[in-house]
Protein backbone atom coordinates (compact mmCIF):
# COMPACT_ATOMS: atom_id res chain seq x y z
CA MET A 1 0.00 0.00 0.00
CA TYR A 2 0.97 3.64 -0.38
CA SER A 3 -0.24 6.48 1.87
CA GLU A 4 0.00 10.21 1.37
CA LYS A 5 -0.80 13.03 3.76
CA ILE A 6 -3.93 15.09 3.12
CA ILE A 7 -5.76 17.90 4.89
CA VAL A 8 -9.51 17.52 5.26
CA GLY A 9 -11.01 20.98 5.42
CA GLU A 10 -7.91 22.76 4.20
CA GLY A 11 -8.50 26.52 4.28
CA THR A 12 -11.40 26.23 6.73
CA LYS A 13 -11.54 26.99 10.47
CA TYR A 14 -11.13 23.27 11.22
CA PRO A 15 -8.33 21.67 9.13
CA LEU A 16 -7.72 18.01 9.95
CA ASN A 17 -4.69 15.84 9.21
CA GLY A 18 -5.51 12.69 7.30
CA LEU A 19 -4.15 9.93 5.11
CA LEU A 20 -5.19 8.82 1.66
CA THR A 21 -4.16 5.18 1.32
CA LEU A 22 -3.90 3.66 -2.16
CA PRO A 23 -3.26 0.13 -3.40
CA GLU A 24 0.38 -0.46 -4.28
CA GLY A 25 1.26 -0.63 -7.97
CA GLY A 26 -2.27 -0.56 -9.35
CA LYS A 27 -3.39 1.65 -12.19
CA GLY A 28 -6.73 2.80 -10.90
CA PRO A 29 -9.12 4.40 -10.83
CA PHE A 30 -9.77 2.61 -7.55
CA PRO A 31 -12.93 2.16 -5.50
CA ALA A 32 -12.60 3.93 -2.15
CA VAL A 33 -14.07 4.35 1.31
CA VAL A 34 -14.27 7.29 3.68
CA MET A 35 -13.97 6.13 7.28
CA VAL A 36 -16.27 7.81 9.81
CA HIS A 37 -15.42 7.57 13.52
CA GLY A 38 -17.46 6.44 16.46
CA SER A 39 -18.36 8.72 19.37
CA GLY A 40 -15.81 10.69 21.34
CA SER A 41 -12.54 12.30 20.32
CA SER A 42 -10.49 10.04 18.08
CA ASN A 43 -7.46 10.13 15.84
CA MET A 44 -7.33 8.99 12.23
CA ASP A 45 -6.66 5.37 13.25
CA GLU A 46 -9.70 5.44 15.58
CA LYS A 47 -7.27 4.34 18.28
CA VAL A 48 -8.86 2.83 21.38
CA MET A 49 -6.10 1.94 23.82
CA LYS A 50 -4.13 -0.81 22.01
CA LEU A 51 -6.54 -1.18 19.07
CA THR A 52 -6.39 0.77 15.79
CA PRO A 53 -9.32 -0.38 13.65
CA PHE A 54 -9.12 2.29 10.93
CA ALA A 55 -5.41 1.66 10.38
CA ASP A 56 -6.15 -2.07 10.09
CA LEU A 57 -8.94 -1.45 7.61
CA ALA A 58 -6.88 0.95 5.48
CA LYS A 59 -4.03 -1.53 5.11
CA GLY A 60 -6.24 -4.55 4.56
CA LEU A 61 -8.46 -2.87 1.99
CA ALA A 62 -5.48 -1.45 0.09
CA ASP A 63 -4.12 -4.99 -0.22
CA LYS A 64 -7.42 -5.88 -1.89
CA GLY A 65 -7.46 -2.95 -4.31
CA VAL A 66 -9.57 -0.47 -2.31
CA ALA A 67 -8.38 3.05 -1.46
CA SER A 68 -9.41 4.90 1.69
CA ILE A 69 -9.36 8.20 3.53
CA ARG A 70 -9.09 8.45 7.29
CA TYR A 71 -8.51 11.62 9.32
CA ASP A 72 -8.38 13.00 12.85
CA LYS A 73 -11.76 13.83 14.30
CA ARG A 74 -12.64 17.50 14.72
CA THR A 75 -13.35 17.13 18.44
CA LEU A 76 -9.81 15.80 18.95
CA VAL A 77 -8.00 18.58 17.12
CA HIS A 78 -10.22 21.61 17.72
CA ALA A 79 -11.90 20.84 21.05
CA ARG A 80 -11.29 24.25 22.63
CA LYS A 81 -12.51 26.14 19.60
CA MET A 82 -15.65 24.01 19.44
CA LEU A 83 -16.56 24.78 23.07
CA LYS A 84 -17.49 28.28 21.95
CA GLN A 85 -20.51 27.05 19.98
CA ILE A 86 -23.46 24.70 20.38
CA ILE A 87 -22.38 21.49 18.67
CA THR A 88 -24.46 18.98 16.77
CA VAL A 89 -23.34 15.88 14.88
CA LYS A 90 -23.21 18.10 11.79
CA GLU A 91 -20.28 20.10 13.13
CA GLU A 92 -18.76 17.14 14.96
CA THR A 93 -18.86 14.56 12.16
CA THR A 94 -20.94 14.98 9.02
CA ASP A 95 -19.37 18.17 7.64
CA ASP A 96 -15.87 16.67 7.67
CA ALA A 97 -17.04 13.40 6.15
CA LEU A 98 -18.57 15.35 3.28
CA LEU A 99 -15.29 17.20 2.75
CA ALA A 100 -13.39 13.89 2.69
CA ILE A 101 -15.81 12.47 0.12
CA GLY A 102 -15.20 15.58 -1.97
CA ILE A 103 -11.45 14.94 -1.89
CA LEU A 104 -12.00 11.43 -3.24
CA LYS A 105 -14.39 12.57 -5.95
CA SER A 106 -11.86 15.10 -7.25
CA ASP A 107 -8.90 12.68 -7.32
CA PRO A 108 -8.36 11.11 -10.78
CA ARG A 109 -6.94 7.97 -9.13
CA ILE A 110 -10.35 7.29 -7.55
CA ASP A 111 -13.46 6.04 -9.35
CA PRO A 112 -16.10 8.66 -8.39
CA ASP A 113 -18.88 6.15 -9.04
CA ARG A 114 -17.48 3.63 -6.54
CA ILE A 115 -17.07 5.65 -3.35
CA PHE A 116 -18.50 4.20 -0.13
CA ILE A 117 -18.97 5.47 3.41
CA LEU A 118 -17.57 3.10 6.04
CA GLY A 119 -18.97 4.13 9.41
CA HIS A 120 -18.13 2.54 12.73
CA SER A 121 -20.42 2.70 15.78
CA MET A 122 -21.79 6.25 15.85
CA GLY A 123 -20.21 6.72 12.44
CA ALA A 124 -22.42 3.88 11.23
CA MET A 125 -25.44 5.63 12.72
CA LEU A 126 -24.54 8.75 10.72
CA ALA A 127 -23.42 7.18 7.43
CA PRO A 128 -26.89 7.21 5.82
CA ARG A 129 -27.37 10.83 6.89
CA ILE A 130 -24.00 11.82 5.41
CA ASP A 131 -25.03 10.23 2.13
CA ALA A 132 -28.41 11.98 2.17
CA GLU A 133 -26.97 15.39 3.01
CA GLY A 134 -24.64 15.58 0.03
CA GLY A 135 -22.34 12.57 0.16
CA ASP A 136 -24.19 10.89 -2.68
CA VAL A 137 -22.01 7.78 -2.52
CA LYS A 138 -22.40 4.36 -4.14
CA GLY A 139 -23.19 2.57 -0.89
CA MET A 140 -22.52 2.23 2.83
CA ILE A 141 -20.80 -0.16 5.22
CA LEU A 142 -22.23 0.04 8.75
CA MET A 143 -19.94 -1.57 11.33
CA ALA A 144 -21.47 -1.94 14.81
CA GLY A 145 -24.25 0.50 14.01
CA THR A 146 -27.68 0.80 15.55
CA PRO A 147 -31.15 1.77 14.33
CA TYR A 148 -31.89 3.36 17.71
CA ARG A 149 -31.34 6.92 18.85
CA LEU A 150 -28.14 7.87 20.64
CA GLU A 151 -29.80 8.58 23.97
CA ASP A 152 -31.48 5.15 23.90
CA ILE A 153 -28.08 3.49 23.54
CA MET A 154 -26.58 5.55 26.36
CA ILE A 155 -29.38 4.64 28.75
CA ARG A 156 -29.13 0.96 27.77
CA GLN A 157 -25.38 0.93 28.41
CA LEU A 158 -25.94 2.42 31.86
CA GLU A 159 -28.49 -0.33 32.54
CA GLN A 160 -25.91 -2.93 31.47
CA ALA A 161 -23.28 -1.44 33.78
CA LYS A 162 -25.76 -1.51 36.66
CA GLN A 163 -25.83 -5.30 36.39
CA SER A 164 -22.11 -5.60 37.19
CA GLY A 165 -20.79 -6.27 40.66
CA THR A 166 -18.17 -3.53 40.62
CA LEU A 167 -17.85 0.13 41.55
CA ILE A 168 -18.99 0.88 38.00
CA LYS A 169 -22.40 -0.45 39.04
CA TRP A 170 -22.90 2.28 41.64
CA ILE A 171 -21.61 5.00 39.33
CA ALA A 172 -23.99 3.78 36.63
CA ILE A 173 -26.97 3.78 39.02
CA LEU A 174 -26.27 7.41 39.91
CA GLU A 175 -25.69 8.49 36.30
CA ASP A 176 -28.80 6.67 35.11
CA LYS A 177 -30.95 8.57 37.60
CA ILE A 178 -29.45 11.87 36.45
CA TYR A 179 -29.27 11.34 32.68
CA SER A 180 -32.51 9.47 32.08
CA LYS A 181 -34.52 12.35 33.56
CA LYS A 182 -32.73 14.84 31.32
CA PHE A 183 -34.12 13.09 28.25
CA ASP A 184 -37.72 13.26 29.44
CA HIS A 185 -39.91 14.98 26.82
CA LEU A 186 -36.83 15.73 24.70
CA TYR A 187 -38.70 15.79 21.40
CA GLU A 188 -41.46 17.97 22.82
CA MET A 189 -38.95 20.71 23.68
CA SER A 190 -38.44 23.65 21.37
CA ASP A 191 -35.00 23.91 19.78
CA GLU A 192 -34.30 26.96 21.94
CA GLU A 193 -35.15 25.10 25.14
CA ALA A 194 -33.01 22.09 24.14
CA ARG A 195 -30.10 24.43 23.34
CA SER A 196 -30.39 26.03 26.77
CA ARG A 197 -30.29 22.77 28.72
CA LYS A 198 -26.89 21.26 29.49
CA PHE A 199 -26.38 17.52 29.28
CA ALA A 200 -22.74 17.13 30.35
CA GLY A 201 -19.64 19.19 29.76
CA GLY A 202 -20.25 21.47 26.82
CA THR A 203 -22.99 19.27 25.33
CA THR A 204 -26.58 20.44 25.36
CA LEU A 205 -29.76 18.43 24.90
CA TYR A 206 -30.06 19.91 21.42
CA TYR A 207 -27.20 17.63 20.36
CA PHE A 208 -29.46 14.62 20.99
CA LYS A 209 -32.66 16.24 19.74
CA GLU A 210 -31.11 17.26 16.42
CA ALA A 211 -29.45 13.87 15.89
CA GLY A 212 -32.56 11.93 16.85
CA GLN A 213 -34.96 13.44 14.32
CA LYS A 214 -34.21 10.52 11.97
CA THR A 215 -32.43 7.25 12.70
CA ALA A 216 -30.08 5.35 10.41
CA ALA A 217 -32.95 3.03 9.50
CA ASP A 218 -35.18 6.00 8.64
CA TYR A 219 -32.60 7.31 6.19
CA LEU A 220 -31.97 3.88 4.66
CA LEU A 221 -35.66 3.35 4.01
CA GLU A 222 -35.62 6.42 1.78
CA ASN A 223 -33.23 4.86 -0.76
CA ASP A 224 -32.18 1.49 -2.13
CA LYS A 225 -28.42 1.99 -2.24
CA PRO A 226 -26.31 -1.05 -1.32
CA VAL A 227 -25.65 -1.32 2.40
CA LEU A 228 -23.67 -3.91 4.35
CA ILE A 229 -24.54 -4.14 8.05
CA MET A 230 -21.79 -5.83 10.11
CA GLN A 231 -21.98 -6.87 13.75
CA GLY A 232 -19.74 -8.55 16.30
CA GLY A 233 -21.46 -11.28 18.26
CA LYS A 234 -19.59 -10.37 21.46
CA ASP A 235 -20.02 -6.63 21.14
CA PHE A 236 -21.24 -5.32 24.51
CA GLN A 237 -21.73 -1.74 23.30
CA VAL A 238 -23.99 -2.48 20.34
CA LEU A 239 -25.86 -5.75 20.70
CA ALA A 240 -26.23 -8.55 18.17
CA ASP A 241 -29.50 -9.79 19.67
CA ASP A 242 -31.01 -6.30 19.75
CA ASP A 243 -29.54 -3.71 17.35
CA PHE A 244 -28.59 -6.17 14.61
CA VAL A 245 -31.93 -7.97 14.85
CA LYS A 246 -33.80 -4.66 14.89
CA PHE A 247 -32.07 -3.55 11.69
CA LYS A 248 -33.30 -6.73 9.98
CA GLU A 249 -36.82 -6.13 11.27
CA LEU A 250 -37.00 -2.48 10.24
CA LEU A 251 -35.34 -2.97 6.86
CA GLU A 252 -37.20 -6.13 5.88
CA GLY A 253 -37.99 -5.96 2.19
CA ARG A 254 -35.43 -3.24 1.49
CA ASN A 255 -33.39 -4.04 -1.61
CA ASN A 256 -29.59 -4.30 -1.63
CA THR A 257 -29.34 -4.83 2.12
CA TYR A 258 -26.81 -7.38 3.36
CA TYR A 259 -25.95 -8.58 6.85
CA LYS A 260 -22.92 -10.27 8.38
CA LEU A 261 -22.56 -11.44 11.97
CA TYR A 262 -19.16 -12.41 13.39
CA PRO A 263 -19.91 -14.50 16.50
CA GLN A 264 -16.51 -14.15 18.20
CA LEU A 265 -15.72 -10.49 17.49
CA ASN A 266 -16.20 -7.44 19.71
CA HIS A 267 -17.18 -3.81 19.05
CA LEU A 268 -13.90 -3.09 17.25
CA PHE A 269 -14.11 -6.28 15.15
CA VAL A 270 -11.23 -8.11 16.77
CA ASP A 271 -11.43 -11.36 18.76
CA ALA A 272 -13.29 -10.73 22.00
CA ILE A 273 -11.78 -11.51 25.40
CA TYR A 274 -14.58 -10.46 27.77
CA ASP A 275 -18.33 -10.23 27.39
CA ASP A 276 -18.92 -7.52 29.98
CA ILE A 277 -19.22 -3.76 29.45
CA SER A 278 -17.68 -3.13 32.89
CA LYS A 279 -14.44 -4.67 31.56
CA ALA A 280 -14.18 -2.45 28.50
CA SER A 281 -10.76 -1.09 29.47
CA LYS A 282 -9.36 -4.61 29.79
CA GLU A 283 -11.05 -5.66 26.55
CA TYR A 284 -9.30 -2.95 24.56
CA SER A 285 -5.92 -2.98 26.34
CA LYS A 286 -4.52 -6.03 24.53
CA GLU A 287 -3.23 -5.47 21.01
CA ARG A 288 -5.13 -7.35 18.27
CA HIS A 289 -5.92 -6.58 14.66
CA ILE A 290 -8.95 -6.91 12.40
CA GLY A 291 -8.75 -10.24 10.61
CA ASP A 292 -8.88 -11.10 6.94
CA GLU A 293 -12.50 -12.31 7.02
CA VAL A 294 -13.80 -8.83 7.84
CA ILE A 295 -11.53 -7.17 5.27
CA THR A 296 -12.51 -9.66 2.57
CA ASP A 297 -16.21 -9.20 3.28
CA ILE A 298 -15.95 -5.42 2.90
CA ALA A 299 -13.89 -5.72 -0.28
CA SER A 300 -16.36 -8.21 -1.75
CA PHE A 301 -19.26 -5.89 -0.99
CA ILE A 302 -17.46 -2.99 -2.65
CA SER A 303 -16.76 -5.13 -5.71
CA GLN A 304 -20.52 -5.75 -5.87
CA ASP A 305 -20.34 -9.42 -5.05
CA PRO A 306 -22.21 -9.23 -1.73
CA GLU A 307 -23.61 -12.75 -1.89
CA GLU A 308 -20.14 -13.93 -0.94
CA ASN A 309 -20.26 -12.17 2.39
CA GLY A 310 -23.82 -11.75 3.53
CA LYS A 311 -27.45 -12.52 2.97
CA LYS A 312 -30.29 -10.17 2.32
């Protein structure tokens, strides 16, 4: 593979360092993906302790003839500057993803008709919105995504933590009492009221209200673009027996929709060690890498041979 430095948002208030990774020695034009991060501040490799899923994906896909862009997240690089405004997922994520897609579409080494959004976790929740709001890509890969709203996932994760026998249980009980009440009547609030109410840190309730107007499933039901929905069976942040099943239920009958479950993989698509959200730090503290099965499945989907890697 060959990588070159890029700037996503060059000339704007929020320039971000990134890498364009290309297959070695090929002629092109290549199919390509834009990688969209999960929640929180994250670098271009989407590094979580010892795990670097976006770096793994970039290398693996390049070996299979697929180019990619990955970049530092705006909340990592420009956190102080962003505290001066009320943030939504538009400023946090979607605007930069659209700029990255634009870079690919203007590069003669990339096939503009074979660009895909690869979203992980919250990035998977937002991928269909990014496409609808100007991305206009060929298709989407949703890794550990959910058809639920963000606040629903947060409350569920607190409920999971409450089941543990550790100090985390008592912290979760307290946080659940505080946060769950904040979401009461969220969608009945005016935008002004939601903007005026703090959630935590610099985040207001408007962040959730704006993001929750339409779910990933809502957006997908408005088009029939190819989508591959991928899920780890031992993911304790997004659940195979809930989120993955719910996607199938909501999208039943939708064309060009493919699903792949990996029974032994976790939220970051590496072999799982624990099956307990209270042990997340231990789960992600041992170095592992995304395996060839996941890489091959994504590459096969991009090459429009999805029957090899998933069923409708």
